[in-house]
Amino acid sequence: MAKVIAIANQKGGVGKTTTTINLGAYLAANKNRVLVVDLDPQGNTSSGLGLARDELSGDLYDVLLEGVEPAAVARETAVKDLHVLPASPVLAAAEVELVAVPQREFKLKQALEKLDYDYILIDCPPSLGILTVNGLVAAHDIIIPVQAEFYALEGLGHLVQTVQRVRRGLNPALGLLGVVVTMHNGRTTLSTQVHEEVKRHFPDKVFDTVIPRNVRLAESPSHGKTIMHYDGWSKGARSYKALAKEVEHRVAKKAADNKKAVKK
């Protein structure tokens, strides 16, 4: 059964897409079969993995609204064992059209249930609309990227409230796998202060790995490549490789803890 993880933060520009793409690449490099779901109508995850919009024969809109099987739409990427369920601007219409659909919050969950992967990563849009709710309902856990900048924690309360509402009414098992600090500049006091503030707000949930502000990391999406293929020795690449190991460790620990709880 796939481990489904939503990458979410309603604030834009915090590194959600960069994290989804590169975490997925390194999980795949660790011999996992990985599917990345591009739930953002901007389609940046799809293009960042080298998919051109005019080459798409179908996308996530067709899966959610037309009943097309995800396997028919999912595409291979340049990374072995890393596939992507792509998005295009047409997906924006789903925010409106899903309103009248029965069980609308469960459409993505239902679509992903039968897929054969080790990990499914969902890149949620920078909003708290019906698409993001679909991502949270489909997920077992959430990872929240938070940038090491002045307004880092602004608005996070709304995301936490949304997660709590989803837990109460739609997905009681949804957990917080962790918070990852992105765009960190170790030479500034501000980055250090923000990192400490994030740890204070999310005790025991902040990943040890910090994603640095890195030029090579910023350049790689414009070439349609993961950082692993664009510059595998850069600081950004080493950080995402470490983050993938941390994610695997937390997922394994959670599974082991759940087994112990069941036995009791």
Protein backbone atom coordinates (compact mmCIF):
# COMPACT_ATOMS: atom_id res chain seq x y z
CA MET A 1 0.00 0.00 0.00
CA ALA A 2 1.37 3.40 -0.98
CA LYS A 3 2.33 5.94 1.66
CA VAL A 4 0.50 9.10 0.60
CA ILE A 5 2.04 12.42 1.68
CA ALA A 6 0.59 15.86 0.93
CA ILE A 7 3.06 18.74 0.60
CA ALA A 8 1.03 21.78 1.64
CA ASN A 9 1.21 25.42 2.68
CA GLN A 10 -1.32 27.96 1.48
CA LYS A 11 1.43 30.58 1.28
CA GLY A 12 3.03 30.68 -2.16
CA GLY A 13 6.76 30.65 -2.85
CA VAL A 14 7.76 28.52 0.13
CA GLY A 15 9.30 25.63 -1.83
CA LYS A 16 6.36 23.20 -2.05
CA THR A 17 6.97 22.28 -5.67
CA THR A 18 10.75 22.17 -5.30
CA THR A 19 10.33 19.91 -2.29
CA THR A 20 7.82 17.63 -4.01
CA ILE A 21 9.97 17.18 -7.12
CA ASN A 22 13.29 16.61 -5.38
CA LEU A 23 12.00 14.59 -2.44
CA GLY A 24 10.27 12.36 -4.99
CA ALA A 25 13.48 11.99 -7.01
CA TYR A 26 15.57 10.93 -4.04
CA LEU A 27 12.90 8.57 -2.70
CA ALA A 28 12.93 6.95 -6.16
CA ALA A 29 16.74 6.82 -6.10
CA ASN A 30 16.39 4.87 -2.82
CA LYS A 31 14.61 2.10 -4.77
CA ASN A 32 11.04 3.21 -4.14
CA ARG A 33 8.33 3.46 -6.78
CA VAL A 34 7.11 7.04 -6.51
CA LEU A 35 4.18 8.94 -8.00
CA VAL A 36 4.08 12.73 -7.83
CA VAL A 37 0.57 14.20 -8.11
CA ASP A 38 0.47 17.75 -9.46
CA LEU A 39 -2.63 19.20 -7.78
CA ASP A 40 -1.76 22.80 -8.66
CA PRO A 41 -3.36 24.22 -11.85
CA GLN A 42 -0.16 26.17 -12.49
CA GLY A 43 1.40 22.82 -13.42
CA ASN A 44 4.87 23.76 -12.16
CA THR A 45 5.56 20.28 -10.83
CA SER A 46 4.78 18.81 -14.24
CA SER A 47 6.99 21.26 -16.14
CA GLY A 48 9.71 20.98 -13.47
CA LEU A 49 9.86 17.26 -14.24
CA GLY A 50 10.28 17.93 -17.95
CA LEU A 51 6.69 17.57 -19.19
CA ALA A 52 5.59 20.06 -21.84
CA ARG A 53 1.93 21.07 -21.63
CA ASP A 54 1.35 20.63 -25.34
CA GLU A 55 2.53 17.02 -25.07
CA LEU A 56 -0.02 15.99 -22.43
CA SER A 57 -2.71 13.59 -23.62
CA GLY A 58 -4.62 14.01 -20.36
CA ASP A 59 -4.16 15.39 -16.88
CA LEU A 60 -5.53 15.35 -13.34
CA TYR A 61 -8.71 17.16 -14.40
CA ASP A 62 -9.66 14.12 -16.51
CA VAL A 63 -9.09 11.87 -13.50
CA LEU A 64 -11.15 13.96 -11.06
CA LEU A 65 -14.02 15.04 -13.33
CA GLU A 66 -14.12 12.58 -16.23
CA GLY A 67 -13.40 9.33 -14.40
CA VAL A 68 -10.25 8.56 -16.40
CA GLU A 69 -7.98 6.02 -14.70
CA PRO A 70 -4.84 7.65 -13.21
CA ALA A 71 -2.64 4.99 -14.80
CA ALA A 72 -3.79 6.19 -18.23
CA VAL A 73 -2.66 9.75 -17.48
CA ALA A 74 0.48 9.21 -15.36
CA ARG A 75 3.73 9.85 -17.20
CA GLU A 76 7.26 8.58 -16.75
CA THR A 77 10.02 11.06 -15.97
CA ALA A 78 13.77 11.09 -16.54
CA VAL A 79 14.18 9.64 -13.04
CA LYS A 80 13.81 5.88 -12.89
CA ASP A 81 10.72 4.78 -10.91
CA LEU A 82 9.43 8.36 -10.62
CA HIS A 83 6.12 9.04 -12.36
CA VAL A 84 3.96 12.15 -12.41
CA LEU A 85 0.20 12.66 -12.61
CA PRO A 86 0.31 16.00 -14.45
CA ALA A 87 -1.76 19.17 -14.22
CA SER A 88 -2.59 21.99 -16.60
CA PRO A 89 -4.49 25.30 -16.21
CA VAL A 90 -7.71 23.43 -17.04
CA LEU A 91 -7.52 21.97 -13.51
CA ALA A 92 -8.54 25.39 -12.15
CA ALA A 93 -12.06 24.65 -13.39
CA ALA A 94 -12.22 21.72 -10.98
CA GLU A 95 -12.48 24.14 -8.03
CA VAL A 96 -15.89 25.19 -9.38
CA GLU A 97 -17.09 21.98 -11.00
CA LEU A 98 -16.37 19.76 -8.00
CA VAL A 99 -18.79 21.77 -5.84
CA ALA A 100 -21.77 19.97 -7.38
CA VAL A 101 -20.16 16.50 -7.33
CA PRO A 102 -21.25 14.02 -4.61
CA GLN A 103 -18.44 13.07 -2.22
CA ARG A 104 -16.34 15.78 -3.86
CA GLU A 105 -13.70 15.78 -1.11
CA PHE A 106 -12.92 12.11 -1.76
CA LYS A 107 -12.39 12.20 -5.54
CA LEU A 108 -8.59 12.16 -5.39
CA LYS A 109 -8.50 9.56 -2.62
CA GLN A 110 -10.72 7.25 -4.66
CA ALA A 111 -8.56 7.74 -7.75
CA LEU A 112 -5.31 6.88 -5.96
CA GLU A 113 -6.45 3.93 -3.86
CA LYS A 114 -5.62 1.14 -6.30
CA LEU A 115 -2.29 2.46 -7.57
CA ASP A 116 0.83 0.37 -6.99
CA TYR A 117 3.50 2.70 -5.57
CA ASP A 118 5.59 2.90 -2.43
CA TYR A 119 5.12 6.65 -2.08
CA ILE A 120 2.62 9.11 -3.53
CA LEU A 121 3.52 12.78 -3.05
CA ILE A 122 0.79 15.38 -3.61
CA ASP A 123 1.86 18.92 -4.48
CA CYS A 124 -1.06 21.00 -3.17
CA PRO A 125 -1.90 24.44 -4.58
CA PRO A 126 -1.19 27.61 -2.54
CA SER A 127 -4.78 27.89 -1.32
CA LEU A 128 -7.18 26.10 1.01
CA GLY A 129 -9.85 25.32 -1.58
CA ILE A 130 -11.45 22.04 -2.63
CA LEU A 131 -8.33 20.81 -4.45
CA THR A 132 -6.17 21.15 -1.34
CA VAL A 133 -8.91 19.51 0.76
CA ASN A 134 -8.86 16.60 -1.73
CA GLY A 135 -5.11 16.33 -1.21
CA LEU A 136 -5.47 16.28 2.59
CA VAL A 137 -8.28 13.72 2.49
CA ALA A 138 -6.22 11.43 0.23
CA ALA A 139 -3.07 11.70 2.39
CA HIS A 140 -1.88 9.69 5.34
CA ASP A 141 0.44 12.52 6.37
CA ILE A 142 1.33 16.10 5.54
CA ILE A 143 4.71 17.80 5.14
CA ILE A 144 4.71 21.58 5.54
CA PRO A 145 7.54 23.55 3.90
CA VAL A 146 8.22 26.84 5.72
CA GLN A 147 10.64 29.39 4.29
CA ALA A 148 13.25 30.95 6.59
CA GLU A 149 11.98 34.48 6.04
CA PHE A 150 10.28 37.17 8.12
CA TYR A 151 6.66 36.21 7.37
CA ALA A 152 7.31 32.47 7.56
CA LEU A 153 4.60 31.66 10.10
CA GLU A 154 2.05 34.10 8.73
CA GLY A 155 -1.13 32.27 7.81
CA LEU A 156 0.06 28.87 9.01
CA GLY A 157 -2.70 28.96 11.62
CA HIS A 158 -5.28 28.74 8.82
CA LEU A 159 -3.57 25.65 7.41
CA VAL A 160 -3.48 24.02 10.86
CA GLN A 161 -7.19 24.78 11.32
CA THR A 162 -7.98 23.25 7.93
CA VAL A 163 -5.99 20.13 8.81
CA GLN A 164 -7.92 19.87 12.10
CA ARG A 165 -11.26 20.21 10.29
CA VAL A 166 -10.24 17.53 7.79
CA ARG A 167 -9.29 15.25 10.69
CA ARG A 168 -12.62 15.79 12.45
CA GLY A 169 -14.89 15.24 9.47
CA LEU A 170 -13.08 13.59 6.57
CA ASN A 171 -9.74 11.96 7.42
CA PRO A 172 -9.24 11.19 11.13
CA ALA A 173 -5.91 9.44 10.45
CA LEU A 174 -4.21 12.45 8.83
CA GLY A 175 -0.92 13.12 10.61
CA LEU A 176 1.81 15.73 10.48
CA LEU A 177 4.93 13.94 9.27
CA GLY A 178 7.01 17.05 9.68
CA VAL A 179 7.87 20.67 8.91
CA VAL A 180 10.83 21.39 6.64
CA VAL A 181 12.59 24.76 6.71
CA THR A 182 13.42 25.95 3.20
CA MET A 183 15.37 28.85 1.63
CA HIS A 184 17.62 28.97 4.68
CA ASN A 185 20.66 31.26 4.66
CA GLY A 186 23.00 30.17 7.42
CA ARG A 187 24.92 33.44 7.23
CA THR A 188 21.99 35.54 8.44
CA THR A 189 20.64 35.92 11.94
CA LEU A 190 17.09 36.09 10.57
CA SER A 191 17.22 32.56 9.12
CA THR A 192 18.47 31.20 12.44
CA GLN A 193 15.77 33.06 14.37
CA VAL A 194 13.01 31.85 12.05
CA HIS A 195 14.29 28.27 12.32
CA GLU A 196 14.11 28.48 16.12
CA GLU A 197 10.64 30.02 15.98
CA VAL A 198 9.38 27.21 13.73
CA LYS A 199 10.77 24.62 16.16
CA ARG A 200 9.00 26.39 19.01
CA HIS A 201 5.66 26.28 17.17
CA PHE A 202 6.08 22.65 16.02
CA PRO A 203 8.03 20.86 18.78
CA ASP A 204 9.48 17.51 17.73
CA LYS A 205 8.07 17.90 14.21
CA VAL A 206 10.74 19.96 12.42
CA PHE A 207 13.04 17.91 10.21
CA ASP A 208 16.74 18.04 11.08
CA THR A 209 17.50 18.66 7.41
CA VAL A 210 17.34 22.30 6.37
CA ILE A 211 17.00 23.22 2.70
CA PRO A 212 19.40 26.07 1.85
CA ARG A 213 18.84 28.99 -0.47
CA ASN A 214 20.78 27.63 -3.45
CA VAL A 215 21.21 28.98 -6.99
CA ARG A 216 21.50 25.53 -8.60
CA LEU A 217 18.30 24.46 -6.87
CA ALA A 218 16.50 27.52 -8.22
CA GLU A 219 17.81 26.94 -11.75
CA SER A 220 16.94 23.25 -12.13
CA PRO A 221 13.15 23.58 -12.80
CA SER A 222 13.74 25.83 -15.81
CA HIS A 223 15.69 22.96 -17.34
CA GLY A 224 12.97 20.43 -16.53
CA LYS A 225 15.36 18.52 -14.28
CA THR A 226 15.48 17.49 -10.64
CA ILE A 227 18.46 18.79 -8.69
CA MET A 228 19.79 15.23 -8.65
CA HIS A 229 20.26 15.38 -12.43
CA TYR A 230 21.03 19.08 -12.74
CA ASP A 231 23.76 19.29 -10.10
CA GLY A 232 23.91 16.27 -7.82
CA TRP A 233 26.80 17.66 -5.78
CA SER A 234 25.23 21.02 -4.93
CA LYS A 235 24.17 21.92 -1.39
CA GLY A 236 20.54 21.72 -2.48
CA ALA A 237 20.99 18.20 -3.82
CA ARG A 238 22.72 16.99 -0.66
CA SER A 239 19.95 18.49 1.46
CA TYR A 240 17.12 16.79 -0.42
CA LYS A 241 18.99 13.50 -0.36
CA ALA A 242 19.20 13.82 3.44
CA LEU A 243 15.54 14.84 3.68
CA ALA A 244 14.47 11.72 1.75
CA LYS A 245 16.29 9.54 4.29
CA GLU A 246 14.61 11.39 7.15
CA VAL A 247 11.20 10.94 5.55
CA GLU A 248 11.80 7.21 5.09
CA HIS A 249 12.90 6.93 8.70
CA ARG A 250 9.82 8.74 10.03
CA VAL A 251 7.48 6.71 7.83
CA ALA A 252 9.07 3.45 9.02
CA LYS A 253 8.92 4.56 12.67
CA LYS A 254 5.27 5.54 12.38
CA ALA A 255 4.43 2.16 10.82
CA ALA A 256 6.28 0.35 13.60
CA ASP A 257 4.52 2.41 16.29
CA ASN A 258 1.13 1.68 14.71
CA LYS A 259 1.87 -2.07 14.73
CA LYS A 260 2.77 -1.90 18.43
CA ALA A 261 -0.44 0.00 19.17
CA VAL A 262 -2.54 -2.61 17.34
CA LYS A 263 -0.91 -5.46 19.29
CA LYS A 264 -1.75 -3.76 22.57
